[in-house]
Amino acid sequence: MLDWDTYRKELFSKIGEIATFSPNTARGYQTLSGAVQKNGRLDAKTAELIAIAVAVTTRCDGCIAVHADAALKQGATREEIADALAVAVALNAGAALVYSARVMDAVSSLEKKTV
């Protein structure tokens, strides 16, 4: 599929280039990214497992490359990562079901207006 380590390194290089042109954006992102650590209520491994699940739901390859590496470095096991992925899958299916209900509501509302 991908050489994820190479991809992650190339990604950091390109993000560094963006930071050169837009340093305030990079600083803002770093502030957001570091906020959970400063709160101190979640341990680093848990935060990385959540990040992996969110990376899947947002379909972000760069996020996957960064947070899979970080989760492993924080001691996450393959089994814990698989459980985080199971949560992402369940929520994506749940979100599709919820938004399907919204579509049906929209259709009902629109049908009333076209009659």
Protein backbone atom coordinates (compact mmCIF):
# COMPACT_ATOMS: atom_id res chain seq x y z
CA MET A 1 0.00 0.00 0.00
CA LEU A 2 2.38 2.70 1.23
CA ASP A 3 5.76 3.02 2.84
CA TRP A 4 4.20 4.83 5.79
CA ASP A 5 7.49 5.88 7.39
CA THR A 6 8.74 7.50 4.18
CA TYR A 7 5.33 9.08 3.59
CA ARG A 8 5.32 10.51 7.14
CA LYS A 9 8.80 11.99 6.68
CA GLU A 10 7.87 13.50 3.29
CA LEU A 11 4.69 14.90 4.81
CA PHE A 12 6.63 16.61 7.61
CA SER A 13 8.93 18.12 4.98
CA LYS A 14 6.00 19.56 3.03
CA ILE A 15 4.31 20.80 6.20
CA GLY A 16 7.59 22.50 7.08
CA GLU A 17 7.45 24.24 3.71
CA ILE A 18 3.90 25.43 4.45
CA ALA A 19 5.08 26.66 7.85
CA THR A 20 7.73 28.77 6.12
CA PHE A 21 5.06 30.54 4.10
CA SER A 22 2.42 30.63 6.81
CA PRO A 23 4.07 30.49 10.25
CA ASN A 24 0.95 31.64 12.11
CA THR A 25 -1.03 28.74 10.68
CA ALA A 26 1.67 26.29 11.79
CA ARG A 27 1.81 27.81 15.29
CA GLY A 28 -1.97 27.70 15.55
CA TYR A 29 -2.02 24.04 14.58
CA GLN A 30 0.73 23.24 17.07
CA THR A 31 -1.28 24.94 19.82
CA LEU A 32 -4.37 22.87 18.96
CA SER A 33 -2.36 19.69 18.62
CA GLY A 34 -0.66 20.13 22.00
CA ALA A 35 -3.76 21.16 23.94
CA VAL A 36 -4.77 17.66 25.05
CA GLN A 37 -1.31 17.00 26.47
CA LYS A 38 -1.43 20.23 28.47
CA ASN A 39 -4.84 19.32 29.90
CA GLY A 40 -3.25 16.18 31.33
CA ARG A 41 -6.47 14.21 31.72
CA LEU A 42 -5.79 11.64 28.98
CA ASP A 43 -2.61 9.65 28.86
CA ALA A 44 -0.65 9.91 25.62
CA LYS A 45 -1.50 6.39 24.44
CA THR A 46 -5.24 6.96 24.85
CA ALA A 47 -5.03 10.28 23.00
CA GLU A 48 -3.18 8.58 20.12
CA LEU A 49 -5.76 5.78 19.94
CA ILE A 50 -8.51 8.38 19.70
CA ALA A 51 -6.49 10.21 17.04
CA ILE A 52 -6.25 7.00 15.01
CA ALA A 53 -10.02 6.52 15.15
CA VAL A 54 -10.59 10.12 14.10
CA ALA A 55 -8.01 9.76 11.32
CA VAL A 56 -10.02 6.89 9.91
CA THR A 57 -13.34 8.73 10.13
CA THR A 58 -11.86 11.80 8.44
CA ARG A 59 -9.97 9.69 5.88
CA CYS A 60 -6.64 11.41 6.57
CA ASP A 61 -3.62 9.36 5.42
CA GLY A 62 -1.20 11.86 6.94
CA CYS A 63 -2.99 11.59 10.28
CA ILE A 64 -2.82 7.80 10.06
CA ALA A 65 0.93 7.89 9.36
CA VAL A 66 1.65 10.27 12.23
CA HIS A 67 -0.68 8.84 14.86
CA ALA A 68 -0.06 5.14 14.15
CA ASP A 69 3.64 5.81 14.69
CA ALA A 70 2.95 7.84 17.83
CA ALA A 71 0.56 5.22 19.23
CA LEU A 72 3.16 2.49 18.83
CA LYS A 73 5.78 4.70 20.50
CA GLN A 74 3.35 5.24 23.40
CA GLY A 75 3.04 1.47 23.84
CA ALA A 76 -0.24 0.78 22.05
CA THR A 77 -0.63 -2.82 20.96
CA ARG A 78 -2.03 -4.03 17.65
CA GLU A 79 -5.06 -5.26 19.58
CA GLU A 80 -5.69 -1.83 21.15
CA ILE A 81 -5.31 -0.19 17.76
CA ALA A 82 -7.78 -2.69 16.30
CA ASP A 83 -10.26 -1.81 19.07
CA ALA A 84 -9.87 1.90 18.27
CA LEU A 85 -10.52 1.07 14.62
CA ALA A 86 -13.63 -0.90 15.60
CA VAL A 87 -14.97 2.25 17.30
CA ALA A 88 -14.29 4.24 14.13
CA VAL A 89 -16.11 1.67 11.99
CA ALA A 90 -19.08 1.58 14.37
CA LEU A 91 -19.35 5.37 14.40
CA ASN A 92 -19.08 5.66 10.64
CA ALA A 93 -21.90 3.15 10.27
CA GLY A 94 -23.86 4.94 12.99
CA ALA A 95 -23.26 8.30 11.33
CA ALA A 96 -24.48 6.91 8.02
CA LEU A 97 -27.62 5.65 9.74
CA VAL A 98 -28.23 9.02 11.46
CA TYR A 99 -27.69 10.93 8.22
CA SER A 100 -29.94 8.48 6.40
CA ALA A 101 -32.67 9.47 8.86
CA ARG A 102 -31.93 13.14 8.05
CA VAL A 103 -32.31 12.40 4.33
CA MET A 104 -35.68 10.77 4.95
CA ASP A 105 -36.72 13.81 7.01
CA ALA A 106 -35.62 16.13 4.18
CA VAL A 107 -37.52 14.05 1.63
CA SER A 108 -40.66 14.14 3.78
CA SER A 109 -40.35 17.89 4.19
CA LEU A 110 -39.68 18.50 0.49
CA GLU A 111 -42.51 16.21 -0.63
CA LYS A 112 -44.97 18.32 1.35
CA LYS A 113 -43.77 21.46 -0.42
CA THR A 114 -44.01 19.99 -3.93
CA VAL A 115 -47.61 18.88 -3.51
